[in-house]
Amino acid sequence: MANTTESNVPGDDVLEEPVPAMQQLLDNPFLLLFIGIAVPTVLYTIWGVMEIVNLPIAK
């Protein structure tokens, strides 16, 4: 006698797991755009301030 229920059908016994935080971050293109613009801006600004502070005082 054959079993009529199929246990290998995708989606039947899938448990709803929470989406990981890193996946949520990478799924948001506008957040990635903001991070891609903000991080270099902040780093180059800090780098520029450090360079100006290290300049010798003119005599």
PDB file of N, CA and C in Angstrom:
ATOM      1  N   MET A   1       0.848  -1.169   0.000  1.00  0.00           N
ATOM      2  CA  MET A   1       0.000   0.000   0.000  1.00  0.00           C
ATOM      3  C   MET A   1       0.904   1.246   0.000  1.00  0.00           C
ATOM      4  N   ALA A   2       0.677   2.143  -0.922  1.00  0.00           N
ATOM      5  CA  ALA A   2       1.519   3.330  -1.064  1.00  0.00           C
ATOM      6  C   ALA A   2       0.988   4.475  -0.202  1.00  0.00           C
ATOM      7  N   ASN A   3       1.924   5.261   0.280  1.00  0.00           N
ATOM      8  CA  ASN A   3       1.574   6.432   1.078  1.00  0.00           C
ATOM      9  C   ASN A   3       1.208   7.570   0.131  1.00  0.00           C
ATOM     10  N   THR A   4       0.026   8.152   0.270  1.00  0.00           N
ATOM     11  CA  THR A   4      -0.442   9.171  -0.667  1.00  0.00           C
ATOM     12  C   THR A   4      -0.008  10.576  -0.270  1.00  0.00           C
ATOM     13  N   THR A   5       0.490  10.760   0.920  1.00  0.00           N
ATOM     14  CA  THR A   5       0.932  12.085   1.325  1.00  0.00           C
ATOM     15  C   THR A   5       2.408  12.250   0.980  1.00  0.00           C
ATOM     16  N   GLU A   6       2.722  13.393   0.409  1.00  0.00           N
ATOM     17  CA  GLU A   6       4.114  13.663   0.052  1.00  0.00           C
ATOM     18  C   GLU A   6       4.741  14.517   1.151  1.00  0.00           C
ATOM     19  N   SER A   7       5.852  14.044   1.678  1.00  0.00           N
ATOM     20  CA  SER A   7       6.501  14.771   2.768  1.00  0.00           C
ATOM     21  C   SER A   7       7.616  15.670   2.266  1.00  0.00           C
ATOM     22  N   ASN A   8       7.950  15.598   0.972  1.00  0.00           N
ATOM     23  CA  ASN A   8       9.051  16.399   0.442  1.00  0.00           C
ATOM     24  C   ASN A   8       8.579  17.627  -0.322  1.00  0.00           C
ATOM     25  N   VAL A   9       7.330  18.015  -0.123  1.00  0.00           N
ATOM     26  CA  VAL A   9       6.810  19.202  -0.781  1.00  0.00           C
ATOM     27  C   VAL A   9       7.350  20.426  -0.050  1.00  0.00           C
ATOM     28  N   PRO A  10       8.032  21.330  -0.782  1.00  0.00           N
ATOM     29  CA  PRO A  10       8.580  22.511  -0.099  1.00  0.00           C
ATOM     30  C   PRO A  10       7.475  23.397   0.463  1.00  0.00           C
ATOM     31  N   GLY A  11       7.697  23.900   1.635  1.00  0.00           N
ATOM     32  CA  GLY A  11       6.758  24.824   2.248  1.00  0.00           C
ATOM     33  C   GLY A  11       5.766  24.185   3.177  1.00  0.00           C
ATOM     34  N   ASP A  12       5.679  22.867   3.205  1.00  0.00           N
ATOM     35  CA  ASP A  12       4.715  22.214   4.083  1.00  0.00           C
ATOM     36  C   ASP A  12       5.120  22.295   5.546  1.00  0.00           C
ATOM     37  N   ASP A  13       6.361  21.940   5.818  1.00  0.00           N
ATOM     38  CA  ASP A  13       6.806  21.874   7.205  1.00  0.00           C
ATOM     39  C   ASP A  13       7.894  22.903   7.515  1.00  0.00           C
ATOM     40  N   VAL A  14       7.876  24.011   6.783  1.00  0.00           N
ATOM     41  CA  VAL A  14       8.876  25.050   7.009  1.00  0.00           C
ATOM     42  C   VAL A  14       8.475  25.873   8.223  1.00  0.00           C
ATOM     43  N   LEU A  15       9.373  25.973   9.174  1.00  0.00           N
ATOM     44  CA  LEU A  15       9.111  26.785  10.358  1.00  0.00           C
ATOM     45  C   LEU A  15       9.451  28.240  10.056  1.00  0.00           C
ATOM     46  N   GLU A  16       8.645  29.137  10.558  1.00  0.00           N
ATOM     47  CA  GLU A  16       8.906  30.561  10.370  1.00  0.00           C
ATOM     48  C   GLU A  16      10.016  30.985  11.311  1.00  0.00           C
ATOM     49  N   GLU A  17      11.198  31.222  10.756  1.00  0.00           N
ATOM     50  CA  GLU A  17      12.335  31.658  11.556  1.00  0.00           C
ATOM     51  C   GLU A  17      12.498  33.159  11.393  1.00  0.00           C
ATOM     52  N   PRO A  18      12.965  33.849  12.414  1.00  0.00           N
ATOM     53  CA  PRO A  18      13.185  35.300  12.275  1.00  0.00           C
ATOM     54  C   PRO A  18      14.307  35.583  11.275  1.00  0.00           C
ATOM     55  N   VAL A  19      14.151  36.677  10.542  1.00  0.00           N
ATOM     56  CA  VAL A  19      15.156  37.058   9.557  1.00  0.00           C
ATOM     57  C   VAL A  19      16.358  37.638  10.306  1.00  0.00           C
ATOM     58  N   PRO A  20      17.563  37.155  10.010  1.00  0.00           N
ATOM     59  CA  PRO A  20      18.752  37.675  10.693  1.00  0.00           C
ATOM     60  C   PRO A  20      18.946  39.170  10.424  1.00  0.00           C
ATOM     61  N   ALA A  21      19.565  39.854  11.375  1.00  0.00           N
ATOM     62  CA  ALA A  21      19.751  41.302  11.274  1.00  0.00           C
ATOM     63  C   ALA A  21      20.620  41.676  10.078  1.00  0.00           C
ATOM     64  N   MET A  22      21.661  40.905   9.802  1.00  0.00           N
ATOM     65  CA  MET A  22      22.545  41.228   8.680  1.00  0.00           C
ATOM     66  C   MET A  22      21.807  41.094   7.352  1.00  0.00           C
ATOM     67  N   GLN A  23      20.899  40.136   7.243  1.00  0.00           N
ATOM     68  CA  GLN A  23      20.121  39.984   6.019  1.00  0.00           C
ATOM     69  C   GLN A  23      19.161  41.153   5.848  1.00  0.00           C
ATOM     70  N   GLN A  24      18.561  41.612   6.937  1.00  0.00           N
ATOM     71  CA  GLN A  24      17.681  42.780   6.856  1.00  0.00           C
ATOM     72  C   GLN A  24      18.463  44.001   6.400  1.00  0.00           C
ATOM     73  N   LEU A  25      19.700  44.151   6.891  1.00  0.00           N
ATOM     74  CA  LEU A  25      20.545  45.276   6.491  1.00  0.00           C
ATOM     75  C   LEU A  25      20.866  45.206   5.005  1.00  0.00           C
ATOM     76  N   LEU A  26      21.256  44.037   4.529  1.00  0.00           N
ATOM     77  CA  LEU A  26      21.662  43.886   3.142  1.00  0.00           C
ATOM     78  C   LEU A  26      20.476  43.890   2.179  1.00  0.00           C
ATOM     79  N   ASP A  27      19.267  43.709   2.683  1.00  0.00           N
ATOM     80  CA  ASP A  27      18.080  43.744   1.834  1.00  0.00           C
ATOM     81  C   ASP A  27      17.539  45.157   1.640  1.00  0.00           C
ATOM     82  N   ASN A  28      18.072  46.138   2.330  1.00  0.00           N
ATOM     83  CA  ASN A  28      17.567  47.504   2.253  1.00  0.00           C
ATOM     84  C   ASN A  28      18.519  48.356   1.407  1.00  0.00           C
ATOM     85  N   PRO A  29      18.182  48.618   0.136  1.00  0.00           N
ATOM     86  CA  PRO A  29      19.112  49.350  -0.729  1.00  0.00           C
ATOM     87  C   PRO A  29      19.322  50.805  -0.302  1.00  0.00           C
ATOM     88  N   PHE A  30      18.314  51.444   0.259  1.00  0.00           N
ATOM     89  CA  PHE A  30      18.473  52.843   0.651  1.00  0.00           C
ATOM     90  C   PHE A  30      19.388  52.976   1.870  1.00  0.00           C
ATOM     91  N   LEU A  31      19.307  52.022   2.777  1.00  0.00           N
ATOM     92  CA  LEU A  31      20.212  52.028   3.921  1.00  0.00           C
ATOM     93  C   LEU A  31      21.641  51.774   3.464  1.00  0.00           C
ATOM     94  N   LEU A  32      21.824  50.859   2.515  1.00  0.00           N
ATOM     95  CA  LEU A  32      23.160  50.605   1.973  1.00  0.00           C
ATOM     96  C   LEU A  32      23.698  51.847   1.262  1.00  0.00           C
ATOM     97  N   LEU A  33      22.843  52.563   0.535  1.00  0.00           N
ATOM     98  CA  LEU A  33      23.257  53.797  -0.129  1.00  0.00           C
ATOM     99  C   LEU A  33      23.689  54.828   0.897  1.00  0.00           C
ATOM    100  N   PHE A  34      22.905  54.985   1.958  1.00  0.00           N
ATOM    101  CA  PHE A  34      23.255  55.944   3.007  1.00  0.00           C
ATOM    102  C   PHE A  34      24.591  55.587   3.659  1.00  0.00           C
ATOM    103  N   ILE A  35      24.776  54.309   3.995  1.00  0.00           N
ATOM    104  CA  ILE A  35      26.030  53.878   4.620  1.00  0.00           C
ATOM    105  C   ILE A  35      27.195  54.077   3.662  1.00  0.00           C
ATOM    106  N   GLY A  36      26.977  53.783   2.373  1.00  0.00           N
ATOM    107  CA  GLY A  36      28.028  53.935   1.375  1.00  0.00           C
ATOM    108  C   GLY A  36      28.449  55.366   1.156  1.00  0.00           C
ATOM    109  N   ILE A  37      27.575  56.314   1.435  1.00  0.00           N
ATOM    110  CA  ILE A  37      27.929  57.732   1.308  1.00  0.00           C
ATOM    111  C   ILE A  37      28.425  58.288   2.638  1.00  0.00           C
ATOM    112  N   ALA A  38      27.805  57.912   3.732  1.00  0.00           N
ATOM    113  CA  ALA A  38      28.122  58.479   5.041  1.00  0.00           C
ATOM    114  C   ALA A  38      29.487  58.031   5.565  1.00  0.00           C
ATOM    115  N   VAL A  39      29.812  56.756   5.437  1.00  0.00           N
ATOM    116  CA  VAL A  39      31.066  56.241   6.002  1.00  0.00           C
ATOM    117  C   VAL A  39      32.287  56.894   5.344  1.00  0.00           C
ATOM    118  N   PRO A  40      32.398  56.923   4.001  1.00  0.00           N
ATOM    119  CA  PRO A  40      33.553  57.601   3.413  1.00  0.00           C
ATOM    120  C   PRO A  40      33.603  59.095   3.737  1.00  0.00           C
ATOM    121  N   THR A  41      32.439  59.732   3.794  1.00  0.00           N
ATOM    122  CA  THR A  41      32.407  61.158   4.118  1.00  0.00           C
ATOM    123  C   THR A  41      32.974  61.412   5.504  1.00  0.00           C
ATOM    124  N   VAL A  42      32.546  60.639   6.478  1.00  0.00           N
ATOM    125  CA  VAL A  42      33.030  60.803   7.847  1.00  0.00           C
ATOM    126  C   VAL A  42      34.523  60.488   7.931  1.00  0.00           C
ATOM    127  N   LEU A  43      34.943  59.401   7.288  1.00  0.00           N
ATOM    128  CA  LEU A  43      36.360  59.017   7.355  1.00  0.00           C
ATOM    129  C   LEU A  43      37.255  60.059   6.699  1.00  0.00           C
ATOM    130  N   TYR A  44      36.878  60.558   5.517  1.00  0.00           N
ATOM    131  CA  TYR A  44      37.694  61.568   4.849  1.00  0.00           C
ATOM    132  C   TYR A  44      37.678  62.888   5.614  1.00  0.00           C
ATOM    133  N   THR A  45      36.576  63.219   6.257  1.00  0.00           N
ATOM    134  CA  THR A  45      36.533  64.433   7.068  1.00  0.00           C
ATOM    135  C   THR A  45      37.477  64.318   8.262  1.00  0.00           C
ATOM    136  N   ILE A  46      37.447  63.188   8.938  1.00  0.00           N
ATOM    137  CA  ILE A  46      38.355  62.970  10.070  1.00  0.00           C
ATOM    138  C   ILE A  46      39.804  62.992   9.595  1.00  0.00           C
ATOM    139  N   TRP A  47      40.068  62.345   8.467  1.00  0.00           N
ATOM    140  CA  TRP A  47      41.420  62.322   7.909  1.00  0.00           C
ATOM    141  C   TRP A  47      41.883  63.745   7.574  1.00  0.00           C
ATOM    142  N   GLY A  48      41.011  64.545   6.973  1.00  0.00           N
ATOM    143  CA  GLY A  48      41.359  65.927   6.632  1.00  0.00           C
ATOM    144  C   GLY A  48      41.645  66.767   7.862  1.00  0.00           C
ATOM    145  N   VAL A  49      40.854  66.610   8.902  1.00  0.00           N
ATOM    146  CA  VAL A  49      41.089  67.364  10.143  1.00  0.00           C
ATOM    147  C   VAL A  49      42.413  66.957  10.762  1.00  0.00           C
ATOM    148  N   MET A  50      42.732  65.668  10.735  1.00  0.00           N
ATOM    149  CA  MET A  50      44.012  65.205  11.279  1.00  0.00           C
ATOM    150  C   MET A  50      45.184  65.784  10.483  1.00  0.00           C
ATOM    151  N   GLU A  51      45.044  65.875   9.178  1.00  0.00           N
ATOM    152  CA  GLU A  51      46.111  66.450   8.347  1.00  0.00           C
ATOM    153  C   GLU A  51      46.283  67.934   8.639  1.00  0.00           C
ATOM    154  N   ILE A  52      45.205  68.649   8.816  1.00  0.00           N
ATOM    155  CA  ILE A  52      45.295  70.091   9.103  1.00  0.00           C
ATOM    156  C   ILE A  52      45.929  70.315  10.475  1.00  0.00           C
ATOM    157  N   VAL A  53      45.580  69.497  11.456  1.00  0.00           N
ATOM    158  CA  VAL A  53      46.141  69.632  12.788  1.00  0.00           C
ATOM    159  C   VAL A  53      47.652  69.346  12.774  1.00  0.00           C
ATOM    160  N   ASN A  54      48.110  68.447  11.913  1.00  0.00           N
ATOM    161  CA  ASN A  54      49.518  68.083  11.859  1.00  0.00           C
ATOM    162  C   ASN A  54      50.375  69.040  11.027  1.00  0.00           C
ATOM    163  N   LEU A  55      49.751  70.039  10.370  1.00  0.00           N
ATOM    164  CA  LEU A  55      50.548  70.999   9.603  1.00  0.00           C
ATOM    165  C   LEU A  55      51.390  71.865  10.554  1.00  0.00           C
ATOM    166  N   PRO A  56      52.654  72.109  10.174  1.00  0.00           N
ATOM    167  CA  PRO A  56      53.458  72.981  11.031  1.00  0.00           C
ATOM    168  C   PRO A  56      52.978  74.429  10.941  1.00  0.00           C
ATOM    169  N   ILE A  57      53.147  75.145  12.009  1.00  0.00           N
ATOM    170  CA  ILE A  57      52.732  76.547  12.061  1.00  0.00           C
ATOM    171  C   ILE A  57      53.724  77.382  11.266  1.00  0.00           C
ATOM    172  N   ALA A  58      53.220  78.260  10.393  1.00  0.00           N
ATOM    173  CA  ALA A  58      54.092  79.104   9.572  1.00  0.00           C
ATOM    174  C   ALA A  58      54.738  80.194  10.432  1.00  0.00           C
ATOM    175  N   LYS A  59      55.978  80.544  10.075  1.00  0.00           N
ATOM    176  CA  LYS A  59      56.688  81.583  10.825  1.00  0.00           C
ATOM    177  C   LYS A  59      56.801  82.848  10.039  1.00  0.00           C
TER     178      LYS A  59
END
